[in-house]
Amino acid sequence: MKRRGAATVEFAIVAPILFLFVFGVIEYGRALQVKQVLTNTAREGARHFANQGATVAEAEETVADYLAKCSIDAYQVEFRPHDPPTGTAVNCTVRVSFRDVAYVAPFFYDNDIQAEATMRRE
């Protein structure tokens, strides 16, 4: 019995599943990377906004600079409350759509990745 071409047929059957798995691992790794970047960004934004006399515009500039270094362009940032007194908790929320940061297949996952940090204003 001749088995010429059996390996080719087997590879043709297994290859789509293998490639789907590899690309899924790549996308999952990217999602974790972006989540970590957003967590650090929210922490930096909240830290800057927690300083006495800091404005929302200055804190937004800090967030924009941090995300620009990480090549993330499309994001939303929100600071609450806008004019807090000393001793009040300030919150920074950073959100990005996974479609805007996906490497391989941006059409598979349509959720937002979000990070939040809260600090007390000094």
C-alpha atoms as a PDB file:
ATOM      1  CA  MET A   1       0.000   0.000   0.000  1.00  0.00           C
ATOM      2  CA  LYS A   2       1.484   3.324  -1.069  1.00  0.00           C
ATOM      3  CA  ARG A   3       1.187   6.336   1.209  1.00  0.00           C
ATOM      4  CA  ARG A   4       2.518   9.020  -1.089  1.00  0.00           C
ATOM      5  CA  GLY A   5       1.023  12.397  -0.251  1.00  0.00           C
ATOM      6  CA  ALA A   6      -0.441  11.275   3.088  1.00  0.00           C
ATOM      7  CA  ALA A   7       1.593  13.850   5.011  1.00  0.00           C
ATOM      8  CA  THR A   8       0.381  16.605   2.693  1.00  0.00           C
ATOM      9  CA  VAL A   9      -3.243  15.658   3.216  1.00  0.00           C
ATOM     10  CA  GLU A  10      -2.780  15.428   6.985  1.00  0.00           C
ATOM     11  CA  PHE A  11      -1.088  18.836   7.068  1.00  0.00           C
ATOM     12  CA  ALA A  12      -3.926  20.322   5.009  1.00  0.00           C
ATOM     13  CA  ILE A  13      -6.393  19.072   7.610  1.00  0.00           C
ATOM     14  CA  VAL A  14      -4.402  20.156  10.675  1.00  0.00           C
ATOM     15  CA  ALA A  15      -2.930  23.457   9.378  1.00  0.00           C
ATOM     16  CA  PRO A  16      -6.063  25.640   9.729  1.00  0.00           C
ATOM     17  CA  ILE A  17      -6.548  24.530  13.327  1.00  0.00           C
ATOM     18  CA  LEU A  18      -2.862  25.073  14.088  1.00  0.00           C
ATOM     19  CA  PHE A  19      -2.823  28.566  12.562  1.00  0.00           C
ATOM     20  CA  LEU A  20      -6.042  29.520  14.324  1.00  0.00           C
ATOM     21  CA  PHE A  21      -4.529  28.436  17.635  1.00  0.00           C
ATOM     22  CA  VAL A  22      -1.271  30.348  17.015  1.00  0.00           C
ATOM     23  CA  PHE A  23      -3.078  33.543  16.003  1.00  0.00           C
ATOM     24  CA  GLY A  24      -5.377  33.201  19.024  1.00  0.00           C
ATOM     25  CA  VAL A  25      -2.387  33.002  21.340  1.00  0.00           C
ATOM     26  CA  ILE A  26      -0.880  36.080  19.675  1.00  0.00           C
ATOM     27  CA  GLU A  27      -4.107  38.071  20.078  1.00  0.00           C
ATOM     28  CA  TYR A  28      -4.561  36.975  23.689  1.00  0.00           C
ATOM     29  CA  GLY A  29      -0.991  38.044  24.453  1.00  0.00           C
ATOM     30  CA  ARG A  30      -1.659  41.431  22.839  1.00  0.00           C
ATOM     31  CA  ALA A  31      -4.808  41.869  24.945  1.00  0.00           C
ATOM     32  CA  LEU A  32      -2.822  41.169  28.122  1.00  0.00           C
ATOM     33  CA  GLN A  33      -0.089  43.581  27.031  1.00  0.00           C
ATOM     34  CA  VAL A  34      -2.588  46.369  26.351  1.00  0.00           C
ATOM     35  CA  LYS A  35      -4.328  45.727  29.678  1.00  0.00           C
ATOM     36  CA  GLN A  36      -1.005  46.115  31.512  1.00  0.00           C
ATOM     37  CA  VAL A  37      -0.168  49.300  29.599  1.00  0.00           C
ATOM     38  CA  LEU A  38      -3.597  50.752  30.424  1.00  0.00           C
ATOM     39  CA  THR A  39      -3.189  49.842  34.100  1.00  0.00           C
ATOM     40  CA  ASN A  40       0.142  51.660  34.244  1.00  0.00           C
ATOM     41  CA  THR A  41      -1.291  54.597  32.309  1.00  0.00           C
ATOM     42  CA  ALA A  42      -4.269  54.941  34.655  1.00  0.00           C
ATOM     43  CA  ARG A  43      -1.915  54.816  37.631  1.00  0.00           C
ATOM     44  CA  GLU A  44       0.318  57.530  36.149  1.00  0.00           C
ATOM     45  CA  GLY A  45      -2.670  59.710  35.273  1.00  0.00           C
ATOM     46  CA  ALA A  46      -4.184  59.352  38.749  1.00  0.00           C
ATOM     47  CA  ARG A  47      -0.794  60.016  40.369  1.00  0.00           C
ATOM     48  CA  HIS A  48      -0.365  63.218  38.381  1.00  0.00           C
ATOM     49  CA  PHE A  49      -3.953  64.356  39.016  1.00  0.00           C
ATOM     50  CA  ALA A  50      -3.598  63.645  42.756  1.00  0.00           C
ATOM     51  CA  ASN A  51      -0.928  66.325  43.108  1.00  0.00           C
ATOM     52  CA  GLN A  52      -2.098  69.610  44.597  1.00  0.00           C
ATOM     53  CA  GLY A  53      -2.834  72.150  41.871  1.00  0.00           C
ATOM     54  CA  ALA A  54      -2.846  69.666  38.993  1.00  0.00           C
ATOM     55  CA  THR A  55      -5.502  70.172  36.350  1.00  0.00           C
ATOM     56  CA  VAL A  56      -7.413  67.673  34.252  1.00  0.00           C
ATOM     57  CA  ALA A  57      -5.650  68.970  31.121  1.00  0.00           C
ATOM     58  CA  GLU A  58      -2.214  68.308  32.627  1.00  0.00           C
ATOM     59  CA  ALA A  59      -3.234  64.813  33.704  1.00  0.00           C
ATOM     60  CA  GLU A  60      -4.673  64.105  30.245  1.00  0.00           C
ATOM     61  CA  GLU A  61      -1.365  65.212  28.733  1.00  0.00           C
ATOM     62  CA  THR A  62       0.464  62.774  31.007  1.00  0.00           C
ATOM     63  CA  VAL A  63      -1.817  59.963  29.834  1.00  0.00           C
ATOM     64  CA  ALA A  64      -1.408  60.972  26.178  1.00  0.00           C
ATOM     65  CA  ASP A  65       2.395  61.001  26.475  1.00  0.00           C
ATOM     66  CA  TYR A  66       2.461  57.587  28.143  1.00  0.00           C
ATOM     67  CA  LEU A  67       0.186  55.990  25.548  1.00  0.00           C
ATOM     68  CA  ALA A  68       2.043  57.625  22.645  1.00  0.00           C
ATOM     69  CA  LYS A  69       5.236  55.911  23.828  1.00  0.00           C
ATOM     70  CA  CYS A  70       3.348  52.603  23.671  1.00  0.00           C
ATOM     71  CA  SER A  71       1.911  53.307  20.182  1.00  0.00           C
ATOM     72  CA  ILE A  72      -1.697  53.447  21.337  1.00  0.00           C
ATOM     73  CA  ASP A  73      -3.552  56.270  19.608  1.00  0.00           C
ATOM     74  CA  ALA A  74      -7.297  55.683  19.943  1.00  0.00           C
ATOM     75  CA  TYR A  75      -8.298  55.806  23.611  1.00  0.00           C
ATOM     76  CA  GLN A  76     -10.698  57.499  26.011  1.00  0.00           C
ATOM     77  CA  VAL A  77      -9.631  58.909  29.363  1.00  0.00           C
ATOM     78  CA  GLU A  78     -11.860  60.179  32.147  1.00  0.00           C
ATOM     79  CA  PHE A  79     -10.948  61.862  35.437  1.00  0.00           C
ATOM     80  CA  ARG A  80     -13.427  62.118  38.324  1.00  0.00           C
ATOM     81  CA  PRO A  81     -14.148  64.482  40.013  1.00  0.00           C
ATOM     82  CA  HIS A  82     -13.008  67.355  37.807  1.00  0.00           C
ATOM     83  CA  ASP A  83     -12.123  69.862  40.549  1.00  0.00           C
ATOM     84  CA  PRO A  84     -11.519  67.858  43.741  1.00  0.00           C
ATOM     85  CA  PRO A  85     -10.557  69.400  47.083  1.00  0.00           C
ATOM     86  CA  THR A  86      -7.572  68.152  49.071  1.00  0.00           C
ATOM     87  CA  GLY A  87      -8.089  64.721  50.637  1.00  0.00           C
ATOM     88  CA  THR A  88     -10.663  63.616  48.071  1.00  0.00           C
ATOM     89  CA  ALA A  89     -10.223  60.405  46.112  1.00  0.00           C
ATOM     90  CA  VAL A  90      -9.521  61.062  42.433  1.00  0.00           C
ATOM     91  CA  ASN A  91     -10.127  58.454  39.778  1.00  0.00           C
ATOM     92  CA  CYS A  92      -8.574  57.948  36.329  1.00  0.00           C
ATOM     93  CA  THR A  93     -10.199  55.564  33.862  1.00  0.00           C
ATOM     94  CA  VAL A  94      -8.509  54.702  30.559  1.00  0.00           C
ATOM     95  CA  ARG A  95     -10.354  52.710  27.898  1.00  0.00           C
ATOM     96  CA  VAL A  96      -9.396  51.450  24.437  1.00  0.00           C
ATOM     97  CA  SER A  97     -11.271  49.318  21.924  1.00  0.00           C
ATOM     98  CA  PHE A  98      -9.471  46.069  21.191  1.00  0.00           C
ATOM     99  CA  ARG A  99     -10.228  46.572  17.497  1.00  0.00           C
ATOM    100  CA  ASP A 100      -7.873  49.567  17.549  1.00  0.00           C
ATOM    101  CA  VAL A 101      -4.920  47.669  19.034  1.00  0.00           C
ATOM    102  CA  ALA A 102      -5.284  44.120  17.686  1.00  0.00           C
ATOM    103  CA  TYR A 103      -2.376  42.696  15.709  1.00  0.00           C
ATOM    104  CA  VAL A 104      -3.817  39.878  13.661  1.00  0.00           C
ATOM    105  CA  ALA A 105      -7.590  39.882  13.464  1.00  0.00           C
ATOM    106  CA  PRO A 106      -9.347  42.974  14.813  1.00  0.00           C
ATOM    107  CA  PHE A 107     -12.763  41.655  13.748  1.00  0.00           C
ATOM    108  CA  PHE A 108     -12.821  38.736  16.218  1.00  0.00           C
ATOM    109  CA  TYR A 109     -13.100  40.687  19.449  1.00  0.00           C
ATOM    110  CA  ASP A 110     -15.281  43.763  19.815  1.00  0.00           C
ATOM    111  CA  ASN A 111     -14.929  44.628  23.488  1.00  0.00           C
ATOM    112  CA  ASP A 112     -13.155  47.459  25.264  1.00  0.00           C
ATOM    113  CA  ILE A 113     -10.138  47.002  27.471  1.00  0.00           C
ATOM    114  CA  GLN A 114     -10.311  49.262  30.502  1.00  0.00           C
ATOM    115  CA  ALA A 115      -8.143  50.121  33.488  1.00  0.00           C
ATOM    116  CA  GLU A 116      -8.883  52.295  36.481  1.00  0.00           C
ATOM    117  CA  ALA A 117      -6.801  53.810  39.286  1.00  0.00           C
ATOM    118  CA  THR A 118      -7.878  55.769  42.352  1.00  0.00           C
ATOM    119  CA  MET A 119      -5.639  57.895  44.581  1.00  0.00           C
ATOM    120  CA  ARG A 120      -6.157  60.488  47.303  1.00  0.00           C
ATOM    121  CA  ARG A 121      -5.486  64.085  46.340  1.00  0.00           C
ATOM    122  CA  GLU A 122      -2.700  65.625  48.376  1.00  0.00           C
END
